[in-house]
Amino acid sequence: MLQRADLWSLEDYSEQRGEFRRRVLAHRENRRVMLGDHILLTFEDEMTIRYQIQEMLRVERIFEAAGIQDELDAYNPLIPDGDNWKCSLLIQYEDVEERKRRLTKMVGIEDKIWLRVGDQPGFFPIADEDMSRSNEEKTSAVHFLRYQLNTEQTDAAKRGAPITAGVEHSGYHCQVVTLDEATRSSLVADLA
């Protein structure tokens, strides 16, 4: 959990921003998983969320304690708890009209993106715990997912088992993806 003491003031952040941004973007590269051409999972952790908060404070010019606490309260739930992985799901189509059409065909997809650790059973996320982002007619282009691991999955990941991901939804087809070692190691670091 991030606290106010973990954050830079707006003035200090303006001095640190360039270098911190470079580090975060490099770090984030090992936390991204493309599923096909249009679904991106970006796994969050303390560093990525700290960056998100600092950027929100900067853009919104928030410097009062209550406003800072509001941002911490909004973003802290996206930091993994030691027995789960949390990620942002982005459904990406460059053409706006195509994206609108596709989102109507992908209702419920946020519940159908699975992970598997080694030979353990695949498991699906808990999607959008903060608010619903889907309805009967379409899904949103952005969702927040939590993958809750059991002890066997956690132990297998720590022992070096491969992690695979896929989509089990009739509105989107893609190959099963095996996470590369850099991404696998980055996610394992989130586990207690």
N, C-alpha and C. Protein backbone atom coordinates (compact mmCIF):
# COMPACT_ATOMS: atom_id res chain seq x y z
N MET A 1 0.83 -1.18 0.00
CA MET A 1 0.00 0.00 0.00
C MET A 1 0.88 1.24 0.00
N LEU A 2 0.62 2.12 -0.93
CA LEU A 2 1.35 3.37 -0.97
C LEU A 2 0.75 4.36 0.02
N GLN A 3 1.61 5.16 0.63
CA GLN A 3 1.21 6.20 1.58
C GLN A 3 1.65 7.56 1.01
N ARG A 4 1.16 8.62 1.60
CA ARG A 4 1.57 9.96 1.15
C ARG A 4 3.09 10.12 1.22
N ALA A 5 3.71 9.54 2.23
CA ALA A 5 5.16 9.67 2.39
C ALA A 5 5.94 9.01 1.25
N ASP A 6 5.30 8.11 0.49
CA ASP A 6 5.96 7.45 -0.64
C ASP A 6 5.97 8.30 -1.90
N LEU A 7 5.25 9.41 -1.88
CA LEU A 7 5.09 10.24 -3.06
C LEU A 7 5.95 11.49 -2.99
N TRP A 8 6.35 11.99 -4.15
CA TRP A 8 7.05 13.25 -4.23
C TRP A 8 6.06 14.40 -4.23
N SER A 9 6.48 15.54 -3.74
CA SER A 9 5.67 16.76 -3.90
C SER A 9 5.63 17.08 -5.39
N LEU A 10 4.73 17.95 -5.81
CA LEU A 10 4.66 18.33 -7.22
C LEU A 10 5.98 18.91 -7.71
N GLU A 11 6.60 19.73 -6.87
CA GLU A 11 7.88 20.35 -7.24
C GLU A 11 8.98 19.29 -7.39
N ASP A 12 9.08 18.40 -6.41
CA ASP A 12 10.10 17.36 -6.48
C ASP A 12 9.83 16.41 -7.64
N TYR A 13 8.56 16.10 -7.89
CA TYR A 13 8.24 15.20 -9.00
C TYR A 13 8.63 15.81 -10.33
N SER A 14 8.46 17.10 -10.46
CA SER A 14 8.84 17.74 -11.73
C SER A 14 10.33 17.55 -11.99
N GLU A 15 11.14 17.52 -10.94
CA GLU A 15 12.58 17.31 -11.10
C GLU A 15 12.92 15.84 -11.35
N GLN A 16 12.16 14.93 -10.77
CA GLN A 16 12.42 13.48 -10.88
C GLN A 16 11.72 12.82 -12.06
N ARG A 17 10.73 13.49 -12.64
CA ARG A 17 9.80 12.87 -13.57
C ARG A 17 10.48 12.20 -14.76
N GLY A 18 11.40 12.86 -15.41
CA GLY A 18 12.03 12.29 -16.61
C GLY A 18 12.69 10.95 -16.35
N GLU A 19 13.53 10.90 -15.33
CA GLU A 19 14.23 9.66 -14.99
C GLU A 19 13.27 8.60 -14.48
N PHE A 20 12.32 8.98 -13.63
CA PHE A 20 11.34 8.03 -13.10
C PHE A 20 10.50 7.46 -14.23
N ARG A 21 10.07 8.30 -15.14
CA ARG A 21 9.26 7.86 -16.28
C ARG A 21 10.02 6.84 -17.11
N ARG A 22 11.29 7.08 -17.38
CA ARG A 22 12.11 6.13 -18.15
C ARG A 22 12.19 4.78 -17.44
N ARG A 23 12.40 4.81 -16.14
CA ARG A 23 12.47 3.56 -15.36
C ARG A 23 11.14 2.81 -15.39
N VAL A 24 10.04 3.55 -15.23
CA VAL A 24 8.72 2.91 -15.20
C VAL A 24 8.40 2.30 -16.57
N LEU A 25 8.67 3.03 -17.64
CA LEU A 25 8.37 2.50 -18.97
C LEU A 25 9.19 1.25 -19.27
N ALA A 26 10.44 1.23 -18.87
CA ALA A 26 11.27 0.03 -19.05
C ALA A 26 10.72 -1.12 -18.21
N HIS A 27 10.35 -0.82 -16.98
CA HIS A 27 9.79 -1.81 -16.06
C HIS A 27 8.47 -2.36 -16.61
N ARG A 28 7.64 -1.49 -17.13
CA ARG A 28 6.32 -1.88 -17.64
C ARG A 28 6.43 -2.81 -18.85
N GLU A 29 7.49 -2.69 -19.64
CA GLU A 29 7.65 -3.56 -20.80
C GLU A 29 7.62 -5.03 -20.41
N ASN A 30 8.13 -5.36 -19.22
CA ASN A 30 8.14 -6.75 -18.75
C ASN A 30 6.86 -7.12 -18.02
N ARG A 31 5.85 -6.27 -18.12
CA ARG A 31 4.59 -6.53 -17.42
C ARG A 31 3.40 -6.43 -18.38
N ARG A 32 3.71 -6.53 -19.67
CA ARG A 32 2.68 -6.41 -20.70
C ARG A 32 2.56 -7.73 -21.45
N VAL A 33 1.32 -8.13 -21.70
CA VAL A 33 1.06 -9.37 -22.43
C VAL A 33 0.03 -9.07 -23.51
N MET A 34 0.42 -9.27 -24.76
CA MET A 34 -0.51 -9.12 -25.89
C MET A 34 -1.16 -10.45 -26.16
N LEU A 35 -2.47 -10.44 -26.25
CA LEU A 35 -3.24 -11.62 -26.62
C LEU A 35 -3.87 -11.32 -27.97
N GLY A 36 -3.25 -11.87 -29.01
CA GLY A 36 -3.68 -11.53 -30.37
C GLY A 36 -3.26 -10.12 -30.70
N ASP A 37 -3.99 -9.51 -31.62
CA ASP A 37 -3.63 -8.17 -32.08
C ASP A 37 -4.32 -7.04 -31.33
N HIS A 38 -5.32 -7.38 -30.49
CA HIS A 38 -6.16 -6.31 -29.97
C HIS A 38 -6.38 -6.31 -28.46
N ILE A 39 -5.86 -7.28 -27.75
CA ILE A 39 -6.03 -7.30 -26.29
C ILE A 39 -4.67 -7.19 -25.62
N LEU A 40 -4.54 -6.20 -24.76
CA LEU A 40 -3.31 -5.97 -24.01
C LEU A 40 -3.62 -6.05 -22.52
N LEU A 41 -2.88 -6.90 -21.82
CA LEU A 41 -2.92 -6.95 -20.37
C LEU A 41 -1.68 -6.24 -19.85
N THR A 42 -1.85 -5.26 -18.99
CA THR A 42 -0.73 -4.59 -18.35
C THR A 42 -0.84 -4.86 -16.86
N PHE A 43 0.09 -5.67 -16.34
CA PHE A 43 0.07 -6.06 -14.94
C PHE A 43 0.66 -4.93 -14.10
N GLU A 44 -0.10 -4.56 -13.09
CA GLU A 44 0.28 -3.43 -12.24
C GLU A 44 1.09 -3.92 -11.04
N ASP A 45 1.86 -3.03 -10.48
CA ASP A 45 2.56 -3.26 -9.23
C ASP A 45 2.79 -1.91 -8.56
N GLU A 46 3.51 -1.91 -7.46
CA GLU A 46 3.69 -0.67 -6.72
C GLU A 46 4.33 0.43 -7.57
N MET A 47 5.31 0.07 -8.40
CA MET A 47 5.98 1.09 -9.20
C MET A 47 5.05 1.69 -10.25
N THR A 48 4.30 0.84 -10.95
CA THR A 48 3.41 1.35 -12.01
C THR A 48 2.29 2.20 -11.41
N ILE A 49 1.79 1.79 -10.25
CA ILE A 49 0.72 2.56 -9.61
C ILE A 49 1.25 3.85 -9.02
N ARG A 50 2.44 3.82 -8.48
CA ARG A 50 3.04 5.07 -7.98
C ARG A 50 3.16 6.07 -9.13
N TYR A 51 3.59 5.60 -10.29
CA TYR A 51 3.69 6.47 -11.46
C TYR A 51 2.31 7.04 -11.83
N GLN A 52 1.29 6.17 -11.84
CA GLN A 52 -0.06 6.62 -12.18
C GLN A 52 -0.52 7.73 -11.23
N ILE A 53 -0.28 7.51 -9.95
CA ILE A 53 -0.70 8.51 -8.95
C ILE A 53 0.07 9.81 -9.14
N GLN A 54 1.39 9.71 -9.29
CA GLN A 54 2.20 10.93 -9.48
C GLN A 54 1.74 11.70 -10.70
N GLU A 55 1.43 10.99 -11.77
CA GLU A 55 0.97 11.66 -12.99
C GLU A 55 -0.38 12.33 -12.78
N MET A 56 -1.29 11.65 -12.08
CA MET A 56 -2.60 12.26 -11.80
C MET A 56 -2.45 13.51 -10.94
N LEU A 57 -1.61 13.43 -9.93
CA LEU A 57 -1.39 14.60 -9.09
C LEU A 57 -0.82 15.75 -9.91
N ARG A 58 0.09 15.43 -10.81
CA ARG A 58 0.73 16.44 -11.65
C ARG A 58 -0.28 17.07 -12.60
N VAL A 59 -1.01 16.24 -13.33
CA VAL A 59 -1.95 16.73 -14.33
C VAL A 59 -3.06 17.56 -13.68
N GLU A 60 -3.57 17.06 -12.56
CA GLU A 60 -4.68 17.73 -11.88
C GLU A 60 -4.21 18.81 -10.91
N ARG A 61 -2.89 18.96 -10.76
CA ARG A 61 -2.30 19.94 -9.83
C ARG A 61 -2.85 19.76 -8.41
N ILE A 62 -2.87 18.51 -7.98
CA ILE A 62 -3.38 18.19 -6.65
C ILE A 62 -2.22 18.25 -5.65
N PHE A 63 -2.37 19.08 -4.63
CA PHE A 63 -1.31 19.18 -3.63
C PHE A 63 -1.87 19.16 -2.20
N GLU A 64 -3.19 19.20 -2.08
CA GLU A 64 -3.80 19.18 -0.75
C GLU A 64 -3.91 17.74 -0.26
N ALA A 65 -3.78 17.56 1.04
CA ALA A 65 -3.75 16.23 1.65
C ALA A 65 -4.98 15.39 1.28
N ALA A 66 -6.15 15.98 1.32
CA ALA A 66 -7.38 15.21 1.03
C ALA A 66 -7.39 14.73 -0.42
N GLY A 67 -6.97 15.57 -1.33
CA GLY A 67 -6.92 15.18 -2.75
C GLY A 67 -5.90 14.09 -3.00
N ILE A 68 -4.76 14.18 -2.36
CA ILE A 68 -3.73 13.15 -2.48
C ILE A 68 -4.26 11.83 -1.93
N GLN A 69 -4.93 11.88 -0.79
CA GLN A 69 -5.49 10.67 -0.20
C GLN A 69 -6.55 10.06 -1.11
N ASP A 70 -7.35 10.88 -1.77
CA ASP A 70 -8.35 10.37 -2.72
C ASP A 70 -7.69 9.57 -3.84
N GLU A 71 -6.57 10.07 -4.35
CA GLU A 71 -5.85 9.35 -5.42
C GLU A 71 -5.26 8.04 -4.88
N LEU A 72 -4.69 8.09 -3.68
CA LEU A 72 -4.17 6.86 -3.07
C LEU A 72 -5.29 5.84 -2.89
N ASP A 73 -6.44 6.29 -2.41
CA ASP A 73 -7.57 5.38 -2.20
C ASP A 73 -8.07 4.79 -3.51
N ALA A 74 -8.02 5.56 -4.57
CA ALA A 74 -8.49 5.08 -5.88
C ALA A 74 -7.53 4.07 -6.49
N TYR A 75 -6.23 4.29 -6.35
CA TYR A 75 -5.25 3.46 -7.06
C TYR A 75 -4.65 2.33 -6.23
N ASN A 76 -4.58 2.46 -4.92
CA ASN A 76 -3.99 1.40 -4.10
C ASN A 76 -4.62 0.03 -4.32
N PRO A 77 -5.92 -0.07 -4.55
CA PRO A 77 -6.50 -1.41 -4.78
C PRO A 77 -5.96 -2.12 -6.02
N LEU A 78 -5.25 -1.41 -6.89
CA LEU A 78 -4.70 -2.03 -8.10
C LEU A 78 -3.30 -2.63 -7.87
N ILE A 79 -2.77 -2.49 -6.66
CA ILE A 79 -1.47 -3.08 -6.33
C ILE A 79 -1.70 -4.51 -5.86
N PRO A 80 -0.95 -5.48 -6.42
CA PRO A 80 -1.12 -6.88 -5.99
C PRO A 80 -0.89 -7.05 -4.49
N ASP A 81 -1.59 -8.04 -3.91
CA ASP A 81 -1.57 -8.26 -2.47
C ASP A 81 -0.65 -9.40 -2.03
N GLY A 82 0.14 -9.97 -2.94
CA GLY A 82 1.04 -11.05 -2.59
C GLY A 82 0.53 -12.42 -2.98
N ASP A 83 -0.78 -12.54 -3.21
CA ASP A 83 -1.34 -13.82 -3.63
C ASP A 83 -2.22 -13.65 -4.88
N ASN A 84 -1.98 -12.54 -5.59
CA ASN A 84 -2.74 -12.30 -6.81
C ASN A 84 -1.93 -11.45 -7.78
N TRP A 85 -2.44 -11.39 -8.99
CA TRP A 85 -1.93 -10.48 -10.01
C TRP A 85 -3.06 -9.56 -10.39
N LYS A 86 -2.77 -8.29 -10.57
CA LYS A 86 -3.78 -7.33 -10.97
C LYS A 86 -3.33 -6.65 -12.25
N CYS A 87 -4.27 -6.47 -13.15
CA CYS A 87 -3.89 -5.88 -14.43
C CYS A 87 -5.00 -5.03 -15.02
N SER A 88 -4.58 -4.17 -15.92
CA SER A 88 -5.51 -3.42 -16.76
C SER A 88 -5.66 -4.19 -18.06
N LEU A 89 -6.89 -4.34 -18.52
CA LEU A 89 -7.19 -4.96 -19.79
C LEU A 89 -7.59 -3.85 -20.75
N LEU A 90 -6.87 -3.76 -21.86
CA LEU A 90 -7.19 -2.75 -22.88
C LEU A 90 -7.56 -3.49 -24.17
N ILE A 91 -8.72 -3.17 -24.71
CA ILE A 91 -9.14 -3.70 -26.01
C ILE A 91 -8.88 -2.59 -27.01
N GLN A 92 -7.96 -2.85 -27.95
CA GLN A 92 -7.42 -1.80 -28.80
C GLN A 92 -7.74 -2.05 -30.28
N TYR A 93 -8.48 -1.14 -30.85
CA TYR A 93 -8.71 -1.08 -32.30
C TYR A 93 -8.50 0.36 -32.70
N GLU A 94 -7.64 0.62 -33.68
CA GLU A 94 -7.35 1.99 -34.07
C GLU A 94 -8.57 2.70 -34.62
N ASP A 95 -9.33 2.02 -35.46
CA ASP A 95 -10.51 2.61 -36.07
C ASP A 95 -11.66 2.64 -35.06
N VAL A 96 -12.18 3.82 -34.80
CA VAL A 96 -13.21 4.00 -33.77
C VAL A 96 -14.46 3.20 -34.10
N GLU A 97 -14.88 3.22 -35.34
CA GLU A 97 -16.10 2.50 -35.72
C GLU A 97 -15.91 0.99 -35.59
N GLU A 98 -14.75 0.49 -35.99
CA GLU A 98 -14.49 -0.94 -35.83
C GLU A 98 -14.48 -1.31 -34.35
N ARG A 99 -13.86 -0.46 -33.51
CA ARG A 99 -13.84 -0.73 -32.08
C ARG A 99 -15.26 -0.82 -31.52
N LYS A 100 -16.12 0.10 -31.91
CA LYS A 100 -17.51 0.08 -31.44
C LYS A 100 -18.19 -1.23 -31.84
N ARG A 101 -17.99 -1.66 -33.10
CA ARG A 101 -18.60 -2.92 -33.57
C ARG A 101 -18.05 -4.11 -32.78
N ARG A 102 -16.75 -4.15 -32.60
CA ARG A 102 -16.12 -5.27 -31.91
C ARG A 102 -16.55 -5.37 -30.45
N LEU A 103 -16.68 -4.23 -29.79
CA LEU A 103 -17.07 -4.24 -28.37
C LEU A 103 -18.47 -4.82 -28.18
N THR A 104 -19.33 -4.72 -29.19
CA THR A 104 -20.65 -5.34 -29.08
C THR A 104 -20.56 -6.85 -29.23
N LYS A 105 -19.51 -7.35 -29.85
CA LYS A 105 -19.32 -8.80 -30.03
C LYS A 105 -18.53 -9.42 -28.88
N MET A 106 -17.99 -8.58 -28.00
CA MET A 106 -17.08 -9.07 -26.96
C MET A 106 -17.66 -8.91 -25.55
N VAL A 107 -18.97 -8.82 -25.43
CA VAL A 107 -19.60 -8.68 -24.11
C VAL A 107 -19.15 -9.85 -23.22
N GLY A 108 -18.68 -9.52 -22.03
CA GLY A 108 -18.25 -10.53 -21.07
C GLY A 108 -16.84 -11.03 -21.24
N ILE A 109 -16.10 -10.51 -22.21
CA ILE A 109 -14.74 -11.00 -22.45
C ILE A 109 -13.83 -10.81 -21.25
N GLU A 110 -14.11 -9.79 -20.45
CA GLU A 110 -13.28 -9.53 -19.26
C GLU A 110 -13.29 -10.69 -18.28
N ASP A 111 -14.29 -11.54 -18.36
CA ASP A 111 -14.37 -12.70 -17.49
C ASP A 111 -13.78 -13.96 -18.12
N LYS A 112 -13.32 -13.87 -19.36
CA LYS A 112 -12.94 -15.05 -20.13
C LYS A 112 -11.47 -15.07 -20.55
N ILE A 113 -10.66 -14.27 -19.90
CA ILE A 113 -9.22 -14.25 -20.20
C ILE A 113 -8.52 -15.01 -19.09
N TRP A 114 -8.02 -16.18 -19.42
CA TRP A 114 -7.49 -17.08 -18.40
C TRP A 114 -5.97 -17.03 -18.33
N LEU A 115 -5.47 -17.45 -17.18
CA LEU A 115 -4.04 -17.67 -16.96
C LEU A 115 -3.89 -19.11 -16.49
N ARG A 116 -2.72 -19.68 -16.74
CA ARG A 116 -2.39 -21.02 -16.25
C ARG A 116 -0.94 -21.01 -15.81
N VAL A 117 -0.67 -21.60 -14.65
CA VAL A 117 0.69 -21.72 -14.13
C VAL A 117 1.08 -23.19 -14.23
N GLY A 118 2.05 -23.50 -15.09
CA GLY A 118 2.51 -24.88 -15.26
C GLY A 118 1.36 -25.79 -15.63
N ASP A 119 1.26 -26.92 -14.93
CA ASP A 119 0.19 -27.88 -15.21
C ASP A 119 -0.99 -27.71 -14.27
N GLN A 120 -1.01 -26.61 -13.52
CA GLN A 120 -2.16 -26.30 -12.66
C GLN A 120 -3.35 -25.93 -13.55
N PRO A 121 -4.57 -26.08 -13.05
CA PRO A 121 -5.73 -25.68 -13.85
C PRO A 121 -5.69 -24.19 -14.20
N GLY A 122 -6.19 -23.85 -15.38
CA GLY A 122 -6.32 -22.45 -15.75
C GLY A 122 -7.32 -21.76 -14.84
N PHE A 123 -7.19 -20.46 -14.69
CA PHE A 123 -8.12 -19.72 -13.83
C PHE A 123 -8.45 -18.38 -14.46
N PHE A 124 -9.66 -17.93 -14.18
CA PHE A 124 -10.19 -16.71 -14.75
C PHE A 124 -10.13 -15.58 -13.72
N PRO A 125 -10.20 -14.35 -14.20
CA PRO A 125 -10.09 -13.21 -13.28
C PRO A 125 -11.41 -12.86 -12.61
N ILE A 126 -11.28 -12.05 -11.59
CA ILE A 126 -12.40 -11.32 -11.02
C ILE A 126 -12.30 -9.95 -11.67
N ALA A 127 -13.30 -9.57 -12.42
CA ALA A 127 -13.23 -8.34 -13.23
C ALA A 127 -13.99 -7.19 -12.58
N ASP A 128 -13.42 -6.01 -12.72
CA ASP A 128 -14.10 -4.76 -12.41
C ASP A 128 -14.76 -4.76 -11.04
N GLU A 129 -13.96 -5.01 -10.02
CA GLU A 129 -14.51 -5.06 -8.66
C GLU A 129 -15.04 -3.70 -8.20
N ASP A 130 -14.52 -2.63 -8.77
CA ASP A 130 -14.92 -1.30 -8.34
C ASP A 130 -16.24 -0.84 -8.96
N MET A 131 -16.51 -1.28 -10.22
CA MET A 131 -17.74 -0.89 -10.91
C MET A 131 -17.89 -1.71 -12.17
N SER A 132 -19.10 -1.89 -12.63
CA SER A 132 -19.36 -2.64 -13.85
C SER A 132 -18.98 -1.79 -15.06
N ARG A 133 -18.31 -2.41 -16.01
CA ARG A 133 -17.91 -1.70 -17.23
C ARG A 133 -18.50 -2.36 -18.47
N SER A 134 -19.46 -3.21 -18.27
CA SER A 134 -20.09 -3.95 -19.36
C SER A 134 -21.59 -3.91 -19.17
N ASN A 135 -22.31 -4.03 -20.26
CA ASN A 135 -23.75 -4.23 -20.16
C ASN A 135 -24.17 -5.28 -21.19
N GLU A 136 -25.44 -5.48 -21.39
CA GLU A 136 -25.90 -6.54 -22.30
C GLU A 136 -25.56 -6.24 -23.75
N GLU A 137 -25.31 -4.99 -24.08
CA GLU A 137 -25.09 -4.59 -25.47
C GLU A 137 -23.63 -4.47 -25.87
N LYS A 138 -22.78 -4.11 -24.93
CA LYS A 138 -21.36 -3.95 -25.27
C LYS A 138 -20.50 -4.02 -24.01
N THR A 139 -19.22 -4.25 -24.25
CA THR A 139 -18.27 -4.19 -23.16
C THR A 139 -17.46 -2.91 -23.31
N SER A 140 -16.75 -2.55 -22.29
CA SER A 140 -15.88 -1.37 -22.32
C SER A 140 -14.53 -1.76 -22.93
N ALA A 141 -13.82 -0.77 -23.41
CA ALA A 141 -12.48 -1.00 -23.95
C ALA A 141 -11.44 -1.12 -22.84
N VAL A 142 -11.81 -0.79 -21.60
CA VAL A 142 -10.89 -0.85 -20.46
C VAL A 142 -11.56 -1.59 -19.30
N HIS A 143 -10.81 -2.53 -18.72
CA HIS A 143 -11.28 -3.26 -17.55
C HIS A 143 -10.11 -3.43 -16.58
N PHE A 144 -10.43 -3.73 -15.33
CA PHE A 144 -9.42 -4.02 -14.32
C PHE A 144 -9.68 -5.42 -13.80
N LEU A 145 -8.64 -6.25 -13.84
CA LEU A 145 -8.76 -7.67 -13.52
C LEU A 145 -7.88 -8.03 -12.33
N ARG A 146 -8.39 -8.98 -11.52
CA ARG A 146 -7.59 -9.56 -10.44
C ARG A 146 -7.58 -11.07 -10.63
N TYR A 147 -6.38 -11.62 -10.73
CA TYR A 147 -6.20 -13.07 -10.82
C TYR A 147 -5.76 -13.57 -9.46
N GLN A 148 -6.64 -14.29 -8.80
CA GLN A 148 -6.38 -14.79 -7.45
C GLN A 148 -5.74 -16.18 -7.56
N LEU A 149 -4.52 -16.33 -7.04
CA LEU A 149 -3.81 -17.60 -7.11
C LEU A 149 -4.02 -18.40 -5.83
N ASN A 150 -4.07 -19.72 -5.98
CA ASN A 150 -4.09 -20.57 -4.80
C ASN A 150 -2.64 -20.94 -4.45
N THR A 151 -2.45 -21.67 -3.38
CA THR A 151 -1.11 -22.01 -2.91
C THR A 151 -0.35 -22.82 -3.94
N GLU A 152 -1.00 -23.78 -4.58
CA GLU A 152 -0.33 -24.62 -5.57
C GLU A 152 0.13 -23.79 -6.77
N GLN A 153 -0.69 -22.86 -7.23
CA GLN A 153 -0.31 -22.01 -8.36
C GLN A 153 0.85 -21.10 -7.98
N THR A 154 0.80 -20.53 -6.78
CA THR A 154 1.86 -19.67 -6.30
C THR A 154 3.17 -20.44 -6.21
N ASP A 155 3.13 -21.63 -5.60
CA ASP A 155 4.34 -22.44 -5.46
C ASP A 155 4.91 -22.83 -6.81
N ALA A 156 4.05 -23.22 -7.75
CA ALA A 156 4.51 -23.60 -9.09
C ALA A 156 5.17 -22.42 -9.79
N ALA A 157 4.58 -21.23 -9.67
CA ALA A 157 5.17 -20.04 -10.30
C ALA A 157 6.54 -19.75 -9.72
N LYS A 158 6.66 -19.86 -8.39
CA LYS A 158 7.95 -19.59 -7.74
C LYS A 158 9.00 -20.63 -8.10
N ARG A 159 8.57 -21.85 -8.41
CA ARG A 159 9.52 -22.90 -8.82
C ARG A 159 9.92 -22.77 -10.29
N GLY A 160 9.35 -21.81 -11.01
CA GLY A 160 9.76 -21.58 -12.40
C GLY A 160 8.82 -22.14 -13.45
N ALA A 161 7.63 -22.58 -13.04
CA ALA A 161 6.68 -23.11 -14.01
C ALA A 161 6.31 -22.05 -15.04
N PRO A 162 6.11 -22.45 -16.28
CA PRO A 162 5.69 -21.47 -17.29
C PRO A 162 4.30 -20.93 -16.97
N ILE A 163 4.07 -19.71 -17.41
CA ILE A 163 2.76 -19.08 -17.26
C ILE A 163 2.21 -18.85 -18.67
N THR A 164 1.00 -19.33 -18.90
CA THR A 164 0.37 -19.15 -20.20
C THR A 164 -0.92 -18.36 -20.03
N ALA A 165 -1.37 -17.76 -21.12
CA ALA A 165 -2.59 -16.95 -21.10
C ALA A 165 -3.36 -17.19 -22.39
N GLY A 166 -4.66 -17.03 -22.30
CA GLY A 166 -5.49 -17.18 -23.48
C GLY A 166 -6.87 -16.58 -23.25
N VAL A 167 -7.66 -16.62 -24.31
CA VAL A 167 -9.01 -16.06 -24.27
C VAL A 167 -9.98 -17.15 -24.67
N GLU A 168 -11.02 -17.30 -23.89
CA GLU A 168 -12.05 -18.31 -24.14
C GLU A 168 -13.38 -17.59 -24.37
N HIS A 169 -13.48 -16.88 -25.49
CA HIS A 169 -14.67 -16.10 -25.81
C HIS A 169 -14.95 -16.21 -27.31
N SER A 170 -16.19 -16.42 -27.67
CA SER A 170 -16.54 -16.63 -29.07
C SER A 170 -16.32 -15.38 -29.93
N GLY A 171 -16.23 -14.21 -29.31
CA GLY A 171 -16.05 -12.97 -30.08
C GLY A 171 -14.61 -12.57 -30.31
N TYR A 172 -13.67 -13.41 -29.86
CA TYR A 172 -12.25 -13.05 -30.03
C TYR A 172 -11.42 -14.31 -30.02
N HIS A 173 -10.65 -14.49 -31.05
CA HIS A 173 -9.81 -15.68 -31.16
C HIS A 173 -8.34 -15.27 -31.17
N CYS A 174 -7.53 -16.00 -30.44
CA CYS A 174 -6.09 -15.78 -30.44
C CYS A 174 -5.39 -17.06 -30.00
N GLN A 175 -4.14 -17.15 -30.31
CA GLN A 175 -3.31 -18.27 -29.89
C GLN A 175 -3.04 -18.17 -28.38
N VAL A 176 -2.81 -19.31 -27.76
CA VAL A 176 -2.35 -19.32 -26.37
C VAL A 176 -0.96 -18.70 -26.34
N VAL A 177 -0.72 -17.84 -25.37
CA VAL A 177 0.54 -17.14 -25.25
C VAL A 177 1.29 -17.66 -24.02
N THR A 178 2.56 -18.00 -24.21
CA THR A 178 3.44 -18.34 -23.08
C THR A 178 4.25 -17.09 -22.76
N LEU A 179 4.16 -16.65 -21.52
CA LEU A 179 4.88 -15.44 -21.13
C LEU A 179 6.38 -15.68 -21.21
N ASP A 180 7.11 -14.68 -21.73
CA ASP A 180 8.56 -14.81 -21.78
C ASP A 180 9.13 -14.76 -20.37
N GLU A 181 10.38 -15.14 -20.23
CA GLU A 181 10.98 -15.26 -18.89
C GLU A 181 11.01 -13.93 -18.14
N ALA A 182 11.27 -12.83 -18.85
CA ALA A 182 11.31 -11.53 -18.17
C ALA A 182 9.94 -11.18 -17.59
N THR A 183 8.88 -11.43 -18.33
CA THR A 183 7.53 -11.15 -17.85
C THR A 183 7.16 -12.11 -16.73
N ARG A 184 7.45 -13.39 -16.93
CA ARG A 184 7.15 -14.39 -15.89
C ARG A 184 7.83 -14.02 -14.59
N SER A 185 9.11 -13.67 -14.65
CA SER A 185 9.87 -13.31 -13.44
C SER A 185 9.31 -12.05 -12.78
N SER A 186 8.91 -11.09 -13.59
CA SER A 186 8.34 -9.85 -13.05
C SER A 186 7.05 -10.14 -12.29
N LEU A 187 6.21 -11.03 -12.82
CA LEU A 187 4.96 -11.36 -12.14
C LEU A 187 5.22 -12.20 -10.88
N VAL A 188 6.17 -13.10 -10.94
CA VAL A 188 6.49 -13.91 -9.77
C VAL A 188 6.96 -13.02 -8.62
N ALA A 189 7.63 -11.92 -8.94
CA ALA A 189 8.09 -11.00 -7.90
C ALA A 189 6.94 -10.38 -7.12
N ASP A 190 5.73 -10.42 -7.67
CA ASP A 190 4.55 -9.88 -6.98
C ASP A 190 4.03 -10.84 -5.90
N LEU A 191 4.48 -12.08 -5.92
CA LEU A 191 3.94 -13.09 -5.01
C LEU A 191 4.74 -13.14 -3.71
N ALA A 192 4.03 -13.24 -2.59
CA ALA A 192 4.69 -13.27 -1.29
C ALA A 192 5.26 -14.65 -1.01
